[in-house]
């Protein structure tokens, strides 16, 4: 592997790590919003939308919404 390819792999790994860290922080904030019983459903959705918009780029938001759906499905799956 050439040095340019190795550099690209390092850059990619760092970008993935940064996204994962950002995602974990986002999910902590998202969980706090969802746990806030003082918010009406519309306020909750607006807070979640605002959080997504301020945390991620437009191209990342679709990915994040898919990850939210997967995470939500896994968290409510019945225990056997």
C-alpha atoms as a PDB file:
ATOM      1  CA  UNK A   1       0.000   0.000   0.000  1.00  0.00           C
ATOM      2  CA  UNK A   2       1.375   3.395  -0.937  1.00  0.00           C
ATOM      3  CA  UNK A   3       1.743   6.246   1.505  1.00  0.00           C
ATOM      4  CA  UNK A   4      -1.105   8.178  -0.142  1.00  0.00           C
ATOM      5  CA  UNK A   5      -3.478   5.246   0.321  1.00  0.00           C
ATOM      6  CA  UNK A   6      -2.348   4.846   3.927  1.00  0.00           C
ATOM      7  CA  UNK A   7      -2.941   8.564   4.528  1.00  0.00           C
ATOM      8  CA  UNK A   8      -6.435   8.281   3.067  1.00  0.00           C
ATOM      9  CA  UNK A   9      -7.196   5.335   5.349  1.00  0.00           C
ATOM     10  CA  UNK A  10      -5.994   7.282   8.386  1.00  0.00           C
ATOM     11  CA  UNK A  11      -8.118  10.254   7.349  1.00  0.00           C
ATOM     12  CA  UNK A  12     -11.145   8.008   6.855  1.00  0.00           C
ATOM     13  CA  UNK A  13     -10.631   6.321  10.232  1.00  0.00           C
ATOM     14  CA  UNK A  14     -10.394   9.710  11.961  1.00  0.00           C
ATOM     15  CA  UNK A  15     -13.534  10.951  10.218  1.00  0.00           C
ATOM     16  CA  UNK A  16     -15.445   7.834  11.270  1.00  0.00           C
ATOM     17  CA  UNK A  17     -14.252   8.191  14.858  1.00  0.00           C
ATOM     18  CA  UNK A  18     -15.271  11.854  14.906  1.00  0.00           C
ATOM     19  CA  UNK A  19     -18.716  11.012  13.520  1.00  0.00           C
ATOM     20  CA  UNK A  20     -19.167   8.227  16.076  1.00  0.00           C
ATOM     21  CA  UNK A  21     -18.245  10.577  18.925  1.00  0.00           C
ATOM     22  CA  UNK A  22     -20.648  13.218  17.604  1.00  0.00           C
ATOM     23  CA  UNK A  23     -23.369  10.574  17.237  1.00  0.00           C
ATOM     24  CA  UNK A  24     -22.932   9.315  20.802  1.00  0.00           C
ATOM     25  CA  UNK A  25     -23.174  12.860  22.149  1.00  0.00           C
ATOM     26  CA  UNK A  26     -26.249  13.468  19.984  1.00  0.00           C
ATOM     27  CA  UNK A  27     -27.960  10.340  21.313  1.00  0.00           C
ATOM     28  CA  UNK A  28     -27.316  11.465  24.898  1.00  0.00           C
ATOM     29  CA  UNK A  29     -28.969  14.807  24.151  1.00  0.00           C
ATOM     30  CA  UNK A  30     -31.772  13.095  22.223  1.00  0.00           C
ATOM     31  CA  UNK A  31     -32.461  10.753  25.140  1.00  0.00           C
ATOM     32  CA  UNK A  32     -32.697  13.760  27.468  1.00  0.00           C
ATOM     33  CA  UNK A  33     -35.238  15.412  25.175  1.00  0.00           C
ATOM     34  CA  UNK A  34     -37.305  12.229  24.924  1.00  0.00           C
ATOM     35  CA  UNK A  35     -37.232  11.809  28.708  1.00  0.00           C
ATOM     36  CA  UNK A  36     -38.487  15.362  29.341  1.00  0.00           C
ATOM     37  CA  UNK A  37     -42.122  14.901  30.322  1.00  0.00           C
ATOM     38  CA  UNK A  38     -42.676  18.669  30.300  1.00  0.00           C
ATOM     39  CA  UNK A  39     -42.499  18.849  26.506  1.00  0.00           C
ATOM     40  CA  UNK A  40     -45.584  18.490  24.348  1.00  0.00           C
ATOM     41  CA  UNK A  41     -45.166  16.129  21.380  1.00  0.00           C
ATOM     42  CA  UNK A  42     -44.780  19.064  18.958  1.00  0.00           C
ATOM     43  CA  UNK A  43     -42.149  20.698  21.187  1.00  0.00           C
ATOM     44  CA  UNK A  44     -40.299  17.407  21.476  1.00  0.00           C
ATOM     45  CA  UNK A  45     -40.226  16.971  17.696  1.00  0.00           C
ATOM     46  CA  UNK A  46     -39.082  20.569  17.207  1.00  0.00           C
ATOM     47  CA  UNK A  47     -36.315  20.115  19.776  1.00  0.00           C
ATOM     48  CA  UNK A  48     -35.177  16.921  18.041  1.00  0.00           C
ATOM     49  CA  UNK A  49     -35.217  18.608  14.631  1.00  0.00           C
ATOM     50  CA  UNK A  50     -33.253  21.575  15.990  1.00  0.00           C
ATOM     51  CA  UNK A  51     -30.721  19.234  17.592  1.00  0.00           C
ATOM     52  CA  UNK A  52     -30.243  17.333  14.314  1.00  0.00           C
ATOM     53  CA  UNK A  53     -29.881  20.548  12.319  1.00  0.00           C
ATOM     54  CA  UNK A  54     -27.295  22.033  14.664  1.00  0.00           C
ATOM     55  CA  UNK A  55     -25.298  18.821  15.109  1.00  0.00           C
ATOM     56  CA  UNK A  56     -25.120  17.317  11.626  1.00  0.00           C
ATOM     57  CA  UNK A  57     -24.776  18.351   8.015  1.00  0.00           C
ATOM     58  CA  UNK A  58     -27.726  17.960   5.680  1.00  0.00           C
ATOM     59  CA  UNK A  59     -26.185  14.841   4.146  1.00  0.00           C
ATOM     60  CA  UNK A  60     -25.611  13.284   7.576  1.00  0.00           C
ATOM     61  CA  UNK A  61     -29.166  13.870   8.808  1.00  0.00           C
ATOM     62  CA  UNK A  62     -30.655  11.111   6.644  1.00  0.00           C
ATOM     63  CA  UNK A  63     -28.100   8.658   7.996  1.00  0.00           C
ATOM     64  CA  UNK A  64     -28.763   9.790  11.555  1.00  0.00           C
ATOM     65  CA  UNK A  65     -32.519   9.362  11.143  1.00  0.00           C
ATOM     66  CA  UNK A  66     -31.954   5.812   9.878  1.00  0.00           C
ATOM     67  CA  UNK A  67     -29.693   5.104  12.862  1.00  0.00           C
ATOM     68  CA  UNK A  68     -32.351   6.542  15.197  1.00  0.00           C
ATOM     69  CA  UNK A  69     -34.942   4.219  13.715  1.00  0.00           C
ATOM     70  CA  UNK A  70     -32.683   1.193  14.136  1.00  0.00           C
ATOM     71  CA  UNK A  71     -31.794   2.197  17.690  1.00  0.00           C
ATOM     72  CA  UNK A  72     -35.433   2.811  18.625  1.00  0.00           C
ATOM     73  CA  UNK A  73     -36.502  -0.538  17.166  1.00  0.00           C
ATOM     74  CA  UNK A  74     -33.768  -2.376  19.049  1.00  0.00           C
ATOM     75  CA  UNK A  75     -34.613  -0.678  22.332  1.00  0.00           C
ATOM     76  CA  UNK A  76     -38.256  -1.761  22.207  1.00  0.00           C
ATOM     77  CA  UNK A  77     -37.670  -5.290  20.927  1.00  0.00           C
ATOM     78  CA  UNK A  78     -39.282  -7.899  23.164  1.00  0.00           C
ATOM     79  CA  UNK A  79     -36.964  -9.851  25.415  1.00  0.00           C
ATOM     80  CA  UNK A  80     -37.182 -13.596  24.897  1.00  0.00           C
END
